[in-house]
Structures are given as C-alpha cells and as structure tokens.
Amino acid sequence: MNLILFGPPAAGKGTQAKRLVETRGMVQLSTGDMLREAIASGSELGQQCKEIMSQGGLIADDIVIALIEARLKEAEDAGGAIFDGFPRTVAQAEALDEMLAKLGKQIDHVIRLKVDDEALMARVSKRFAEQGRPDDNPESFQVRLAAYNRNTAPLLPYYGDKGLLTEIDGMRAIEAVATDIDAVLG
C-alpha cells in the first residue's frame, strides 16, 4: 500500500506517519527528514538545501525526486510507503506516479489533514522554541506556509479526480486523527 499524507508543514503528518510505521510496518518517506539528513551530512547538496530552507524556499523538484527514488525499494520491500511532505506540486505528483508505474505500483490513498493556519503558527513557534529547528523559524515558516497554500492547492483536484482523496480534521487529538486514518486504510 502506498499512502500520501497531505497537509501543510506542522499539520501532524510526521506524527501520524511514525504511528503507521509502528503499527503497519510501512516505510515513512519524509522529504523533510531526508533534507535535514542531507544538511547534517555536510555534503554539498546538504549545504545547498540548508541555504534554501533557511530562507523559507522549497527545494527543487529534481533533488526531492532523486531522494525519494533512492528510498523506494526499501519501501516496496516493507510493503509500502508513506509519503510525508511529497508531492507538493502537480509536477511532483506526476513524477511520483511515473516512478511507481515503472515498479507496477500506484498511490492507494491520499489523506489530507485539514488544519487552521493560525494554529499551525502556534505549533511551529512552540516547536522552534523547544527544538530550535531552523526550518521552524516563524518567519521562514510563514514563507513555507504561503508556498504550500499556493503550490499544493492544485493537488486537491488532481487526487480528488482520481478518487483517492480523503480529508480528515487534523485539529483534533492525535488519537482521534489516527482512528480516522485507520478507518480509511482498512
């Protein structure tokens, strides 16, 4: 099974993905985590990503797609992937569909966590104060949130037209959101 968790930064995608990894054995493919790993490695790619992310920018599609593709076999071996933070644009969704089709696979479910932008700012400000993640800087987060809202809106009809999209209220307690996700996945 291949699942996309869809929602803006700090909507709870990572929390729900980690729970699904534990309960279903799937592999979480978090672009945010992969990008932070690249930055921590100190590689040239990591330095480029650090500069872009610190300014609130989004990483180029070809870099993100290469990171995802490198992890697909691991996910397929485990029985499926949870795409967390990817795709963010229709072009990325089309590239993901192409990659999966080459493997004889497809996206089975797209779950959108619906959240309130003001509540997200409060979450991010708290997380920034507690963890100091540079991409959670409130100023750069505002840029990321605006980019998310602008660039990913076309994904709703893209997946909705395919009959894959389910929307869940992401503002509720973690356990309530998890119960709704489990109901969708069966």
Protein backbone atom coordinates (compact mmCIF):
# COMPACT_ATOMS: atom_id res chain seq x y z
CA MET A 1 0.00 0.00 0.00
CA ASN A 2 1.26 3.46 -0.88
CA LEU A 3 -0.16 6.38 1.05
CA ILE A 4 0.31 10.12 0.80
CA LEU A 5 -0.21 12.20 3.93
CA PHE A 6 -1.12 15.61 2.67
CA GLY A 7 -1.18 18.84 4.64
CA PRO A 8 0.83 21.97 5.35
CA PRO A 9 4.03 21.98 7.38
CA ALA A 10 3.35 21.17 11.07
CA ALA A 11 -0.08 19.63 10.34
CA GLY A 12 0.86 16.37 12.06
CA LYS A 13 1.88 14.31 9.03
CA GLY A 14 5.12 13.17 10.65
CA THR A 15 3.39 12.15 13.87
CA GLN A 16 0.79 10.09 12.02
CA ALA A 17 3.39 8.57 9.67
CA LYS A 18 5.53 7.39 12.60
CA ARG A 19 2.48 5.73 14.13
CA LEU A 20 1.72 3.95 10.85
CA VAL A 21 5.32 2.75 10.61
CA GLU A 22 4.99 1.22 14.08
CA THR A 23 1.55 -0.31 13.57
CA ARG A 24 1.75 -1.37 9.90
CA GLY A 25 5.47 -1.77 9.20
CA MET A 26 5.44 0.66 6.27
CA VAL A 27 8.36 2.95 5.48
CA GLN A 28 8.00 6.68 6.04
CA LEU A 29 9.48 8.69 3.22
CA SER A 30 9.64 12.15 4.75
CA THR A 31 11.21 14.69 2.47
CA GLY A 32 11.72 16.99 5.45
CA ASP A 33 13.68 14.30 7.32
CA MET A 34 15.66 13.38 4.20
CA LEU A 35 16.55 17.02 3.61
CA ARG A 36 17.59 17.50 7.26
CA GLU A 37 19.77 14.36 6.95
CA ALA A 38 21.38 15.82 3.82
CA ILE A 39 22.08 19.06 5.70
CA ALA A 40 23.52 17.20 8.71
CA SER A 41 25.83 15.23 6.40
CA GLY A 42 27.62 18.44 5.46
CA SER A 43 27.61 17.41 1.80
CA GLU A 44 27.50 19.96 -1.00
CA LEU A 45 23.85 19.04 -1.59
CA GLY A 46 23.19 19.47 2.12
CA GLN A 47 24.74 22.94 2.12
CA GLN A 48 22.59 23.96 -0.86
CA CYS A 49 19.47 22.66 0.89
CA LYS A 50 20.39 24.46 4.12
CA GLU A 51 20.69 27.80 2.34
CA ILE A 52 17.38 27.38 0.51
CA MET A 53 15.48 26.15 3.58
CA SER A 54 16.85 28.83 5.91
CA GLN A 55 15.29 31.42 3.59
CA GLY A 56 11.96 29.59 3.57
CA GLY A 57 12.39 28.34 -0.01
CA LEU A 58 11.37 24.98 -1.41
CA ILE A 59 13.96 22.52 -2.71
CA ALA A 60 13.96 21.89 -6.48
CA ASP A 61 11.83 19.00 -7.73
CA ASP A 62 14.73 17.07 -9.25
CA ILE A 63 16.55 16.95 -5.89
CA VAL A 64 13.46 15.86 -3.96
CA ILE A 65 12.51 13.25 -6.58
CA ALA A 66 16.04 11.79 -6.53
CA LEU A 67 15.90 11.49 -2.73
CA ILE A 68 12.52 9.72 -2.91
CA GLU A 69 13.54 7.40 -5.73
CA ALA A 70 16.60 6.27 -3.80
CA ARG A 71 14.34 5.06 -0.97
CA LEU A 72 11.54 3.41 -2.98
CA LYS A 73 13.00 -0.09 -3.00
CA GLU A 74 13.24 -0.11 0.80
CA ALA A 75 9.59 0.93 0.99
CA GLU A 76 8.45 -1.65 -1.55
CA ASP A 77 10.32 -4.39 0.34
CA ALA A 78 8.46 -3.38 3.52
CA GLY A 79 5.07 -3.49 1.82
CA GLY A 80 4.54 0.15 1.03
CA ALA A 81 5.43 3.75 1.57
CA ILE A 82 4.03 6.65 3.50
CA PHE A 83 4.85 9.79 1.53
CA ASP A 84 5.14 12.64 4.02
CA GLY A 85 5.70 16.10 2.57
CA PHE A 86 5.77 14.84 -1.00
CA PRO A 87 4.41 15.56 -3.55
CA ARG A 88 3.98 19.30 -3.12
CA THR A 89 3.14 20.13 -6.74
CA VAL A 90 1.27 18.51 -9.63
CA ALA A 91 4.62 18.04 -11.44
CA GLN A 92 5.94 16.07 -8.45
CA ALA A 93 2.70 14.04 -8.28
CA GLU A 94 3.06 13.15 -11.95
CA ALA A 95 6.73 12.19 -11.45
CA LEU A 96 5.75 10.03 -8.46
CA ASP A 97 3.03 8.31 -10.49
CA GLU A 98 5.62 7.60 -13.23
CA MET A 99 8.16 6.16 -10.79
CA LEU A 100 5.56 3.93 -9.16
CA ALA A 101 4.14 2.78 -12.51
CA LYS A 102 7.63 1.58 -13.53
CA LEU A 103 7.52 -0.63 -10.44
CA GLY A 104 3.98 -1.80 -11.15
CA LYS A 105 2.73 0.15 -8.13
CA GLN A 106 0.43 3.11 -7.53
CA ILE A 107 -0.80 5.52 -4.87
CA ASP A 108 -3.61 3.81 -2.97
CA HIS A 109 -4.77 6.59 -0.62
CA VAL A 110 -4.23 10.32 -0.18
CA ILE A 111 -5.19 11.65 3.23
CA ARG A 112 -5.37 15.40 3.70
CA LEU A 113 -5.02 16.65 7.26
CA LYS A 114 -7.09 19.84 7.35
CA VAL A 115 -5.74 22.38 9.83
CA ASP A 116 -6.01 26.08 10.70
CA ASP A 117 -3.10 28.33 9.63
CA GLU A 118 -3.11 30.32 12.90
CA ALA A 119 -2.98 27.12 14.96
CA LEU A 120 -0.05 25.96 12.82
CA MET A 121 1.86 29.15 13.63
CA ALA A 122 1.36 28.46 17.33
CA ARG A 123 2.60 24.85 16.88
CA VAL A 124 5.65 25.96 14.96
CA SER A 125 6.57 28.74 17.37
CA LYS A 126 6.41 26.25 20.25
CA ARG A 127 8.43 23.62 18.32
CA PHE A 128 11.02 26.25 17.35
CA ALA A 129 11.39 27.32 20.99
CA GLU A 130 11.70 23.69 22.17
CA GLN A 131 13.75 22.09 19.36
CA GLY A 132 15.37 25.02 17.54
CA ARG A 133 14.77 23.52 14.09
CA PRO A 134 15.90 26.19 11.61
CA ASP A 135 13.04 25.41 9.21
CA ASP A 136 10.59 26.15 12.06
CA ASN A 137 11.76 29.74 12.40
CA PRO A 138 8.41 31.61 12.47
CA GLU A 139 9.45 33.99 9.69
CA SER A 140 10.60 31.25 7.32
CA PHE A 141 7.59 29.15 8.32
CA GLN A 142 5.27 31.93 7.08
CA VAL A 143 7.02 31.74 3.70
CA ARG A 144 6.75 27.92 3.64
CA LEU A 145 3.07 28.02 4.58
CA ALA A 146 2.29 30.56 1.86
CA ALA A 147 4.21 28.46 -0.69
CA TYR A 148 2.34 25.35 0.44
CA ASN A 149 -1.04 27.04 0.09
CA ARG A 150 -0.13 28.46 -3.33
CA ASN A 151 1.64 25.46 -4.86
CA THR A 152 -0.25 22.50 -3.48
CA ALA A 153 -3.84 23.66 -3.94
CA PRO A 154 -3.91 22.01 -7.42
CA LEU A 155 -3.16 18.65 -5.80
CA LEU A 156 -6.62 18.51 -4.26
CA PRO A 157 -8.43 18.13 -7.59
CA TYR A 158 -5.54 16.04 -9.01
CA TYR A 159 -6.08 13.33 -6.39
CA GLY A 160 -9.78 14.04 -5.88
CA ASP A 161 -10.49 13.37 -9.57
CA LYS A 162 -8.73 10.00 -9.19
CA GLY A 163 -10.98 9.13 -6.23
CA LEU A 164 -8.01 8.85 -3.87
CA LEU A 165 -8.50 11.89 -1.59
CA THR A 166 -9.96 11.70 1.92
CA GLU A 167 -9.99 14.73 4.20
CA ILE A 168 -9.58 14.40 7.97
CA ASP A 169 -9.82 17.13 10.62
CA GLY A 170 -6.20 17.45 11.73
CA MET A 171 -7.00 19.86 14.56
CA ARG A 172 -8.33 17.09 16.81
CA ALA A 173 -6.35 14.97 19.24
CA ILE A 174 -3.62 12.75 17.76
CA GLU A 175 -5.56 9.59 18.70
CA ALA A 176 -8.77 10.80 17.03
CA VAL A 177 -6.89 11.61 13.81
CA ALA A 178 -5.19 8.19 13.97
CA THR A 179 -8.55 6.43 14.32
CA ASP A 180 -9.87 8.21 11.23
CA ILE A 181 -6.74 7.31 9.24
CA ASP A 182 -7.06 3.64 10.25
CA ALA A 183 -10.68 3.66 9.09
CA VAL A 184 -9.61 4.93 5.66
CA LEU A 185 -6.83 2.36 5.30
CA GLY A 186 -8.99 -0.54 6.48
